[in-house]
Amino acid sequence: MRASLTRRLSVTAAAALLAVAVPAAPAASAQPESDPGEPAGQTGSGPAPPPPEGKVKPKDNGQPDLPYTPKSQAVCAGELRFLQPASTIPWAQNVLQFDELNRFATGAGQTVAVIDTGVNPHEFLGNRLAGGGDYVERGGDGLRDCDGHGTEVAGIIAAKPKDDSIGFRGIAPDAKILSIRQSSDYYEYKPPNPNDRSDKAGSLTTLARAIVHAADRNVDVINMSVDTCRTADKPITPEERNLQQALRYAVEDRDVVVVASAGNIPSAKCPYQNSNDPKHPTYIVSPPWFSDYVLSVAAVNTGGTAAEFSMHGPWVSVAAPGTALISLNPGGGELLTDRSVNSQHQEGSIQGTSFAAPYVAGLAALIREAAEKAGNPLTAREVMDRIKRTASHPAGPGGRNSQIGYGMINPVGALTAKIPGQDGITGDEAIDLPYQVPPARERNWTPERVAVIGSAGGLGLLLLTLFIVHTVRRQRRDRPGPA
């Protein structure tokens, strides 16, 4: 059944390659119909971009915002089980046509910043992994992952097994990973007053700092499989506005492609699925809410539809595989795993929008490499636009919806399609062509008149002949016979 599904999805993806050029896809509006200070639920897919006078670089001191400490009962995630043979090729790799990708790019020369729970050193990342900073523990370098989450995310992006008998590999196996630890369920802040609630490590403040820090390290792509969710009945907060500024700085000032997970349900603050009304969402998720600067990624299941846990939203850009996945084992040992540990420290399968986002981040690295090799480097916005235009669009207005955005990514299509406005192809332009009514054509009615007159004359002669014959026959019947 799975093999049949994989073939069907692969054919669908390959069919997109037959087009020589991909037309422009209508962009999802990120502009609100109300002032940014009004309740978030009254806006469209995100708040208005910062005004010119507000486009400042957020501050980054490279340090946690609070003194976090390890939880007393916590033990860092160790080796996880791997319930499949090492030769197993994940369905996601078949659907996304990994076998074809290396013909065009491998991610060489590209650096992807993974802002997450840290990344543990791993044989399949080798010397392509570097520490980029730690916003959880002072003095850390980002290369300690207690949660296991960041290591699995990094593996989906750039794992490169040396043994060809191993089925799993990353989408951009030659890319470099810069790990920045920004959050952890295994660390907490204990306030001085024991009656106050403890907070786990990670906040919008440190996320904004980590984005600025990564951008200043000259990375090509940022992957953030971290997000926060809240109800949409409150105005934008100072912390959210600061995060928006950091995203703008990364994209517009530093030319970095920014990718984020769309969010999962249920969560503590967002227990239910979001409204599909783009003007009145029930919940908002950050960073995806700032859709002017972020490619937010929904999760698709093995059936090719949106996973039930994937948060809907008008800001969703595209979708990628997010269930039944394989990645690096954060504890080493067997090297691979198909298990992960959630925030309650319970083991389960690898699934979530967190693991869909790195497929898109890796694809962005491939696109940037291929464009540079072709002598036609693309800006961050051009890369993001290319990924959306070449996705397998769902039925709906503008070829998108709130569940999967512009649809499942098509990596080979994104690497090969000709995009108007890119690749030396002139973009579509409006042309003033006033409509002119053609002159009236005088019709010659003579043939019709002759035909009508001739037909009428013939009909008259026929009727006259029938009348004469009828009259003669009647006179013969009325003539008296012999006496």
Protein backbone atom coordinates (compact mmCIF):
# COMPACT_ATOMS: atom_id res chain seq x y z
CA MET A 1 0.00 0.00 0.00
CA ARG A 2 2.76 2.47 0.98
CA ALA A 3 4.80 1.64 -2.13
CA SER A 4 1.77 2.27 -4.31
CA LEU A 5 1.13 5.58 -2.56
CA THR A 6 4.75 6.61 -2.99
CA ARG A 7 4.62 5.92 -6.72
CA ARG A 8 1.42 7.93 -7.10
CA LEU A 9 2.83 10.92 -5.22
CA SER A 10 6.13 10.71 -7.09
CA VAL A 11 4.29 10.77 -10.42
CA THR A 12 2.36 13.80 -9.27
CA ALA A 13 5.56 15.60 -8.36
CA ALA A 14 7.27 14.62 -11.60
CA ALA A 15 4.35 15.86 -13.68
CA ALA A 16 5.06 19.38 -12.48
CA LEU A 17 8.41 19.28 -14.28
CA LEU A 18 6.82 19.12 -17.72
CA ALA A 19 6.02 22.82 -17.70
CA VAL A 20 8.69 24.99 -19.29
CA ALA A 21 7.74 28.03 -17.29
CA VAL A 22 5.77 28.46 -14.12
CA PRO A 23 3.32 31.36 -14.03
CA ALA A 24 3.18 33.69 -11.12
CA ALA A 25 1.10 32.48 -8.19
CA PRO A 26 -1.01 35.09 -6.45
CA ALA A 27 0.72 35.99 -3.21
CA ALA A 28 -1.14 35.61 0.05
CA SER A 29 -1.94 39.02 1.40
CA ALA A 30 -0.08 39.83 4.57
CA GLN A 31 -1.66 43.22 5.03
CA PRO A 32 -4.32 43.76 7.67
CA GLU A 33 -7.55 45.54 6.99
CA SER A 34 -7.16 47.28 10.33
CA ASP A 35 -4.48 49.11 12.22
CA PRO A 36 -1.70 46.89 13.65
CA GLY A 37 -2.64 48.07 17.12
CA GLU A 38 -6.11 46.56 16.88
CA PRO A 39 -6.82 43.02 18.08
CA ALA A 40 -4.94 40.44 16.05
CA GLY A 41 -8.12 38.62 15.14
CA GLN A 42 -9.15 41.57 12.99
CA THR A 43 -6.10 41.31 10.74
CA GLY A 44 -5.41 39.19 7.67
CA SER A 45 -2.53 36.73 7.52
CA GLY A 46 -0.26 38.84 9.69
CA PRO A 47 0.37 42.31 11.09
CA ALA A 48 1.53 45.12 8.86
CA PRO A 49 5.28 45.30 8.18
CA PRO A 50 7.19 47.69 10.45
CA PRO A 51 6.99 51.32 9.30
CA PRO A 52 10.21 52.80 7.83
CA GLU A 53 11.04 54.57 11.07
CA GLY A 54 10.62 51.28 12.93
CA LYS A 55 13.00 49.23 10.80
CA VAL A 56 15.76 48.94 13.34
CA LYS A 57 18.05 46.05 14.17
CA PRO A 58 16.94 44.37 17.42
CA LYS A 59 19.57 44.08 20.11
CA ASP A 60 21.38 40.81 20.70
CA ASN A 61 23.69 40.18 23.64
CA GLY A 62 24.16 36.48 22.88
CA GLN A 63 22.84 35.50 26.31
CA PRO A 64 19.70 33.90 27.79
CA ASP A 65 17.00 36.30 28.93
CA LEU A 66 16.66 34.52 32.29
CA PRO A 67 18.92 32.28 34.41
CA TYR A 68 17.66 28.86 33.34
CA THR A 69 18.74 25.73 35.19
CA PRO A 70 18.28 22.01 34.42
CA LYS A 71 15.13 20.52 35.88
CA SER A 72 15.96 18.41 38.90
CA GLN A 73 14.15 15.34 37.59
CA ALA A 74 15.28 15.70 33.98
CA VAL A 75 17.79 13.55 32.23
CA CYS A 76 18.94 14.62 28.78
CA ALA A 77 17.49 12.56 25.95
CA GLY A 78 19.68 9.56 25.32
CA GLU A 79 19.67 6.91 22.66
CA LEU A 80 16.25 6.30 21.14
CA ARG A 81 14.97 3.10 19.62
CA PHE A 82 14.98 2.45 15.88
CA LEU A 83 12.22 0.07 14.91
CA GLN A 84 13.07 -0.35 11.23
CA PRO A 85 15.99 -1.76 9.21
CA ALA A 86 18.78 0.72 8.49
CA SER A 87 18.15 0.22 4.77
CA THR A 88 14.63 1.64 5.04
CA ILE A 89 14.10 4.63 2.74
CA PRO A 90 11.59 7.03 4.32
CA TRP A 91 8.49 7.68 2.24
CA ALA A 92 9.29 11.39 2.32
CA GLN A 93 12.48 10.85 0.34
CA ASN A 94 10.64 8.98 -2.41
CA VAL A 95 7.87 11.56 -2.64
CA LEU A 96 10.36 14.44 -2.80
CA GLN A 97 12.51 12.55 -5.35
CA PHE A 98 15.78 12.63 -3.43
CA ASP A 99 17.40 10.39 -6.04
CA GLU A 100 17.00 13.18 -8.61
CA LEU A 101 18.05 16.11 -6.44
CA ASN A 102 21.78 15.47 -6.39
CA ARG A 103 21.86 15.95 -10.16
CA PHE A 104 21.16 19.64 -9.54
CA ALA A 105 22.50 20.50 -6.07
CA THR A 106 23.60 19.01 -2.74
CA GLY A 107 23.71 22.10 -0.54
CA ALA A 108 27.46 22.54 -0.92
CA GLY A 109 28.67 25.97 0.15
CA GLN A 110 25.41 26.75 1.99
CA THR A 111 24.95 27.21 5.73
CA VAL A 112 21.63 26.54 7.46
CA ALA A 113 21.18 27.90 10.96
CA VAL A 114 19.11 25.56 13.12
CA ILE A 115 17.52 27.62 15.91
CA ASP A 116 16.18 24.88 18.14
CA THR A 117 17.08 22.80 21.21
CA GLY A 118 20.70 22.44 20.13
CA VAL A 119 22.32 19.79 17.92
CA ASN A 120 24.47 16.95 19.25
CA PRO A 121 27.58 16.05 17.25
CA HIS A 122 26.85 13.10 14.98
CA GLU A 123 28.81 10.95 12.58
CA PHE A 124 26.45 11.77 9.72
CA LEU A 125 26.98 15.52 10.17
CA GLY A 126 30.75 15.28 10.65
CA ASN A 127 32.72 18.51 10.50
CA ARG A 128 29.85 20.29 8.73
CA LEU A 129 28.29 20.98 12.15
CA ALA A 130 29.36 24.07 14.10
CA GLY A 131 28.16 25.65 17.33
CA GLY A 132 26.57 29.05 16.94
CA GLY A 133 25.57 30.06 20.44
CA ASP A 134 23.35 29.22 23.39
CA TYR A 135 20.37 31.18 24.74
CA VAL A 136 19.52 28.51 27.31
CA GLU A 137 22.73 28.12 29.27
CA ARG A 138 25.42 30.77 29.63
CA GLY A 139 28.69 29.77 28.04
CA GLY A 140 27.15 27.09 25.85
CA ASP A 141 27.92 26.71 22.15
CA GLY A 142 24.67 25.14 20.91
CA LEU A 143 26.14 21.64 20.60
CA ARG A 144 24.28 20.08 23.51
CA ASP A 145 20.77 18.81 22.81
CA CYS A 146 18.95 17.48 25.85
CA ASP A 147 15.60 17.30 24.03
CA GLY A 148 16.80 15.48 20.90
CA HIS A 149 14.55 17.71 18.79
CA GLY A 150 17.19 19.93 17.19
CA THR A 151 19.41 16.96 16.31
CA GLU A 152 16.57 15.29 14.42
CA VAL A 153 15.74 18.53 12.63
CA ALA A 154 19.38 18.97 11.57
CA GLY A 155 19.46 15.39 10.30
CA ILE A 156 16.50 15.96 7.97
CA ILE A 157 18.37 18.93 6.52
CA ALA A 158 21.93 17.67 6.13
CA ALA A 159 22.59 14.08 7.27
CA LYS A 160 25.06 12.28 5.00
CA PRO A 161 25.68 8.59 5.79
CA LYS A 162 28.91 7.23 4.40
CA ASP A 163 27.40 3.77 3.91
CA ASP A 164 25.17 3.50 0.83
CA SER A 165 23.26 0.66 2.47
CA ILE A 166 21.68 3.19 4.85
CA GLY A 167 18.41 4.44 3.41
CA PHE A 168 18.00 7.72 5.28
CA ARG A 169 19.76 10.92 4.28
CA GLY A 170 19.18 14.66 4.47
CA ILE A 171 17.70 16.70 1.66
CA ALA A 172 20.86 18.86 1.42
CA PRO A 173 23.59 16.38 2.44
CA ASP A 174 26.52 18.73 1.81
CA ALA A 175 25.11 21.76 3.60
CA LYS A 176 26.68 23.10 6.79
CA ILE A 177 24.68 23.34 10.01
CA LEU A 178 25.09 26.20 12.49
CA SER A 179 23.38 25.15 15.72
CA ILE A 180 21.92 27.80 18.02
CA ARG A 181 20.22 26.51 21.16
CA GLN A 182 17.26 28.74 21.95
CA SER A 183 14.80 26.55 23.86
CA SER A 184 14.58 23.39 25.95
CA ASP A 185 11.91 21.53 27.88
CA TYR A 186 14.66 20.22 30.16
CA TYR A 187 15.60 23.66 31.51
CA GLU A 188 13.48 26.06 33.53
CA TYR A 189 13.53 29.42 35.25
CA LYS A 190 12.68 29.27 38.94
CA PRO A 191 11.44 32.67 40.13
CA PRO A 192 12.52 33.97 43.55
CA ASN A 193 8.96 33.72 44.79
CA PRO A 194 8.13 29.99 44.94
CA ASN A 195 4.46 30.79 44.39
CA ASP A 196 5.23 32.14 40.90
CA ARG A 197 5.07 29.80 37.95
CA SER A 198 8.29 28.37 36.54
CA ASP A 199 8.98 28.95 32.86
CA LYS A 200 10.72 26.54 30.52
CA ALA A 201 13.70 27.86 28.61
CA GLY A 202 12.92 29.85 25.49
CA SER A 203 10.92 32.99 24.75
CA LEU A 204 10.10 35.35 21.91
CA THR A 205 12.84 37.60 23.25
CA THR A 206 15.59 34.99 22.86
CA LEU A 207 14.12 33.85 19.53
CA ALA A 208 14.52 37.39 18.17
CA ARG A 209 18.08 37.51 19.50
CA ALA A 210 18.92 34.14 17.93
CA ILE A 211 17.58 35.27 14.54
CA VAL A 212 19.72 38.41 14.58
CA HIS A 213 22.72 36.39 15.76
CA ALA A 214 22.31 33.84 12.94
CA ALA A 215 21.83 36.55 10.33
CA ASP A 216 25.01 38.27 11.45
CA ARG A 217 26.89 34.98 11.04
CA ASN A 218 26.17 35.20 7.28
CA VAL A 219 24.03 32.08 7.08
CA ASP A 220 22.02 31.43 3.92
CA VAL A 221 18.93 29.89 5.53
CA ILE A 222 17.40 29.88 9.01
CA ASN A 223 15.21 27.00 10.19
CA MET A 224 13.05 27.60 13.25
CA SER A 225 11.10 24.54 14.33
CA VAL A 226 9.98 26.48 17.39
CA ASP A 227 6.88 28.60 17.76
CA THR A 228 4.40 30.04 20.22
CA CYS A 229 0.62 30.06 19.95
CA ARG A 230 -1.93 32.36 21.57
CA THR A 231 -5.49 33.49 21.11
CA ALA A 232 -6.04 36.20 18.51
CA ASP A 233 -8.07 38.53 20.70
CA LYS A 234 -5.20 40.76 21.86
CA PRO A 235 -3.10 43.46 20.15
CA ILE A 236 0.42 42.72 19.04
CA THR A 237 2.81 42.72 22.00
CA PRO A 238 6.20 44.46 22.25
CA GLU A 239 7.91 41.04 22.21
CA GLU A 240 6.07 40.07 19.02
CA ARG A 241 6.93 43.37 17.37
CA ASN A 242 10.58 42.85 18.30
CA LEU A 243 10.46 39.37 16.73
CA GLN A 244 8.96 40.89 13.59
CA GLN A 245 11.83 43.38 13.47
CA ALA A 246 14.36 40.57 13.76
CA LEU A 247 12.72 38.65 10.90
CA ARG A 248 12.68 41.77 8.73
CA TYR A 249 16.35 42.36 9.48
CA ALA A 250 17.28 38.80 8.49
CA VAL A 251 15.35 38.84 5.20
CA GLU A 252 15.71 42.42 4.00
CA ASP A 253 19.05 43.50 5.44
CA ARG A 254 20.97 40.20 5.53
CA ASP A 255 19.25 38.37 2.62
CA VAL A 256 18.51 35.20 4.61
CA VAL A 257 15.72 32.74 3.75
CA VAL A 258 13.66 32.20 6.91
CA VAL A 259 11.65 28.99 7.40
CA ALA A 260 9.40 28.15 10.36
CA SER A 261 7.04 25.36 11.38
CA ALA A 262 3.34 26.23 11.16
CA GLY A 263 2.56 24.89 14.65
CA ASN A 264 0.90 21.81 16.11
CA ILE A 265 -2.32 21.13 17.99
CA PRO A 266 -3.29 20.49 20.65
CA SER A 267 -1.03 22.68 22.75
CA ALA A 268 -1.49 24.25 26.15
CA LYS A 269 -2.62 27.63 24.82
CA CYS A 270 -4.11 26.45 21.52
CA PRO A 271 -6.06 23.26 22.22
CA TYR A 272 -8.21 23.31 19.07
CA GLN A 273 -7.83 23.74 15.33
CA ASN A 274 -7.72 27.29 14.02
CA SER A 275 -10.49 29.04 12.16
CA ASN A 276 -10.14 28.92 8.36
CA ASP A 277 -11.45 32.48 8.04
CA PRO A 278 -8.32 34.42 7.02
CA LYS A 279 -9.69 37.65 8.46
CA HIS A 280 -10.71 36.20 11.81
CA PRO A 281 -8.34 33.44 12.99
CA THR A 282 -9.02 32.04 16.44
CA TYR A 283 -5.33 31.63 17.21
CA ILE A 284 -2.11 33.14 15.92
CA VAL A 285 1.26 31.38 15.78
CA SER A 286 4.59 33.20 15.87
CA PRO A 287 6.88 33.38 13.88
CA PRO A 288 4.48 32.21 11.05
CA TRP A 289 2.14 35.13 11.79
CA PHE A 290 4.77 37.45 10.30
CA SER A 291 4.19 36.04 6.85
CA ASP A 292 5.92 38.92 5.04
CA TYR A 293 9.24 37.44 6.12
CA VAL A 294 8.65 33.74 6.81
CA LEU A 295 8.00 30.56 4.85
CA SER A 296 5.75 28.69 7.29
CA VAL A 297 5.40 24.95 6.71
CA ALA A 298 2.43 22.68 7.34
CA ALA A 299 2.76 18.91 7.72
CA VAL A 300 1.41 16.40 5.20
CA ASN A 301 0.75 12.74 6.03
CA THR A 302 1.46 9.62 3.96
CA GLY A 303 -1.93 10.01 2.29
CA GLY A 304 -0.90 13.36 0.82
CA THR A 305 -3.31 15.44 2.92
CA ALA A 306 -2.74 17.86 5.80
CA ALA A 307 -1.88 16.04 9.02
CA GLU A 308 -4.61 16.37 11.64
CA PHE A 309 -2.20 18.02 14.09
CA SER A 310 -0.97 20.67 11.62
CA MET A 311 -2.23 24.12 12.59
CA HIS A 312 -4.24 25.89 9.90
CA GLY A 313 -3.74 29.57 9.24
CA PRO A 314 -3.85 32.22 6.52
CA TRP A 315 -0.08 32.54 6.89
CA VAL A 316 0.72 28.92 5.90
CA SER A 317 3.05 29.04 2.88
CA VAL A 318 3.67 25.44 1.78
CA ALA A 319 3.62 21.88 3.11
CA ALA A 320 6.10 19.01 3.43
CA PRO A 321 6.11 15.47 4.84
CA GLY A 322 5.57 15.54 8.60
CA THR A 323 4.64 12.01 9.71
CA ALA A 324 6.32 8.59 9.96
CA LEU A 325 9.82 10.03 9.54
CA ILE A 326 13.38 8.86 10.22
CA SER A 327 16.31 10.99 11.37
CA LEU A 328 19.49 11.06 13.44
CA ASN A 329 19.53 9.41 16.82
CA PRO A 330 20.39 12.21 19.29
CA GLY A 331 22.04 9.69 21.59
CA GLY A 332 24.23 8.12 18.90
CA GLY A 333 24.40 4.37 19.29
CA GLU A 334 22.34 2.97 16.42
CA LEU A 335 22.86 6.31 14.63
CA LEU A 336 19.26 6.50 13.34
CA THR A 337 15.84 6.55 14.94
CA ASP A 338 12.18 6.79 14.02
CA ARG A 339 11.26 7.94 17.53
CA SER A 340 11.19 11.32 19.27
CA VAL A 341 10.51 12.60 22.77
CA ASN A 342 7.74 15.16 23.34
CA SER A 343 7.54 17.92 25.95
CA GLN A 344 6.12 15.42 28.46
CA HIS A 345 9.20 13.26 27.85
CA GLN A 346 7.09 10.57 26.22
CA GLU A 347 8.50 8.61 23.29
CA GLY A 348 6.56 8.46 20.04
CA SER A 349 7.01 8.51 16.27
CA ILE A 350 8.80 11.41 14.58
CA GLN A 351 6.02 13.70 13.42
CA GLY A 352 5.04 17.34 13.51
CA THR A 353 5.35 20.55 11.55
CA SER A 354 8.71 20.87 13.29
CA PHE A 355 10.00 18.07 11.07
CA ALA A 356 8.26 19.30 7.91
CA ALA A 357 10.01 22.69 8.08
CA PRO A 358 13.59 21.33 7.65
CA TYR A 359 12.67 19.79 4.29
CA VAL A 360 11.82 23.29 3.09
CA ALA A 361 14.93 24.83 4.69
CA GLY A 362 17.10 22.22 2.98
CA LEU A 363 15.36 22.89 -0.33
CA ALA A 364 16.11 26.60 0.05
CA ALA A 365 19.81 25.73 0.45
CA LEU A 366 19.69 23.61 -2.72
CA ILE A 367 18.07 26.42 -4.70
CA ARG A 368 20.63 28.97 -3.56
CA GLU A 369 23.51 26.66 -4.47
CA ALA A 370 22.10 25.82 -7.91
CA ALA A 371 21.45 29.49 -8.69
CA GLU A 372 24.97 30.47 -7.67
CA LYS A 373 26.50 27.71 -9.81
CA ALA A 374 24.45 28.97 -12.75
CA GLY A 375 25.82 32.48 -12.23
CA ASN A 376 22.40 33.83 -11.35
CA PRO A 377 22.23 34.18 -7.54
CA LEU A 378 18.74 34.58 -6.11
CA THR A 379 17.70 36.84 -3.27
CA ALA A 380 16.02 35.41 -0.20
CA ARG A 381 12.62 36.61 -1.41
CA GLU A 382 13.17 35.09 -4.85
CA VAL A 383 13.99 31.73 -3.26
CA MET A 384 10.88 31.88 -1.10
CA ASP A 385 8.77 32.88 -4.08
CA ARG A 386 10.18 30.04 -6.19
CA ILE A 387 9.31 27.45 -3.54
CA LYS A 388 5.71 28.68 -3.38
CA ARG A 389 5.23 28.96 -7.15
CA THR A 390 6.47 25.45 -7.89
CA ALA A 391 4.51 23.73 -5.11
CA SER A 392 1.62 21.44 -6.05
CA HIS A 393 -1.20 23.95 -5.63
CA PRO A 394 -4.44 22.79 -4.02
CA ALA A 395 -7.86 23.67 -5.36
CA GLY A 396 -8.94 27.01 -4.01
CA PRO A 397 -8.84 30.75 -4.67
CA GLY A 398 -5.38 31.73 -5.85
CA GLY A 399 -4.20 28.11 -5.73
CA ARG A 400 -3.82 28.02 -1.95
CA ASN A 401 -5.72 27.33 1.26
CA SER A 402 -5.22 27.66 5.00
CA GLN A 403 -4.35 23.99 5.47
CA ILE A 404 -1.31 23.54 3.20
CA GLY A 405 -0.73 26.99 1.73
CA TYR A 406 0.39 26.72 -1.90
CA GLY A 407 0.71 22.95 -1.48
CA MET A 408 3.32 20.22 -1.15
CA ILE A 409 6.80 21.35 -2.15
CA ASN A 410 8.21 20.04 -5.42
CA PRO A 411 12.01 20.12 -5.02
CA VAL A 412 12.94 19.07 -8.56
CA GLY A 413 10.44 21.55 -9.98
CA ALA A 414 11.84 24.30 -7.76
CA LEU A 415 15.34 23.57 -9.06
CA THR A 416 14.44 23.37 -12.75
CA ALA A 417 11.39 25.53 -13.49
CA LYS A 418 11.72 28.83 -15.33
CA ILE A 419 10.14 31.58 -13.27
CA PRO A 420 8.99 34.89 -14.81
CA GLY A 421 11.00 37.64 -13.20
CA GLN A 422 13.91 35.22 -12.61
CA ASP A 423 16.30 33.24 -14.82
CA GLY A 424 16.51 36.15 -17.25
CA ILE A 425 12.81 35.87 -18.07
CA THR A 426 10.98 39.18 -18.11
CA GLY A 427 8.11 39.28 -15.68
CA ASP A 428 4.53 39.85 -16.75
CA GLU A 429 3.67 43.48 -17.45
CA ALA A 430 0.37 45.24 -17.99
CA ILE A 431 0.01 46.41 -21.61
CA ASP A 432 -2.40 49.15 -22.67
CA LEU A 433 -4.35 47.65 -25.56
CA PRO A 434 -7.60 49.65 -26.00
CA TYR A 435 -10.37 47.57 -27.49
CA GLN A 436 -11.57 48.73 -30.90
CA VAL A 437 -14.97 47.70 -32.27
CA PRO A 438 -14.60 46.46 -35.89
CA PRO A 439 -16.60 48.38 -38.55
CA ALA A 440 -20.05 47.12 -39.45
CA ARG A 441 -20.07 44.79 -42.48
CA GLU A 442 -22.76 45.58 -45.09
CA ARG A 443 -24.52 42.37 -46.03
CA ASN A 444 -25.58 41.65 -49.63
CA TRP A 445 -29.17 40.41 -49.43
CA THR A 446 -29.63 39.80 -53.21
CA PRO A 447 -28.87 36.05 -53.16
CA GLU A 448 -31.33 35.57 -50.31
CA ARG A 449 -34.03 37.59 -52.14
CA VAL A 450 -33.57 35.60 -55.36
CA ALA A 451 -33.75 32.34 -53.44
CA VAL A 452 -36.92 33.39 -51.59
CA ILE A 453 -38.65 34.70 -54.75
CA GLY A 454 -37.71 31.57 -56.69
CA SER A 455 -38.98 29.32 -53.94
CA ALA A 456 -42.22 31.28 -53.65
CA GLY A 457 -42.76 31.15 -57.43
CA GLY A 458 -42.16 27.41 -57.58
CA LEU A 459 -44.54 26.87 -54.67
CA GLY A 460 -47.20 29.01 -56.42
CA LEU A 461 -46.92 27.02 -59.65
CA LEU A 462 -47.21 23.80 -57.72
CA LEU A 463 -50.35 24.97 -55.93
CA LEU A 464 -51.88 26.19 -59.23
CA THR A 465 -51.20 22.84 -60.90
CA LEU A 466 -52.76 20.95 -58.00
CA PHE A 467 -55.82 23.22 -58.17
CA ILE A 468 -56.32 22.64 -61.92
CA VAL A 469 -55.95 18.88 -61.60
CA HIS A 470 -58.38 18.82 -58.71
CA THR A 471 -60.92 20.90 -60.67
CA VAL A 472 -60.75 18.69 -63.82
CA ARG A 473 -61.23 15.51 -61.79
CA ARG A 474 -64.22 16.98 -59.99
CA GLN A 475 -65.88 18.02 -63.27
CA ARG A 476 -65.46 14.51 -64.64
CA ARG A 477 -67.10 13.02 -61.53
CA ASP A 478 -70.05 15.46 -61.84
CA ARG A 479 -70.74 14.81 -65.64
CA PRO A 480 -74.04 12.75 -66.10
CA GLY A 481 -73.74 9.24 -67.55
CA PRO A 482 -75.63 7.81 -70.69
CA ALA A 483 -79.49 7.53 -70.64
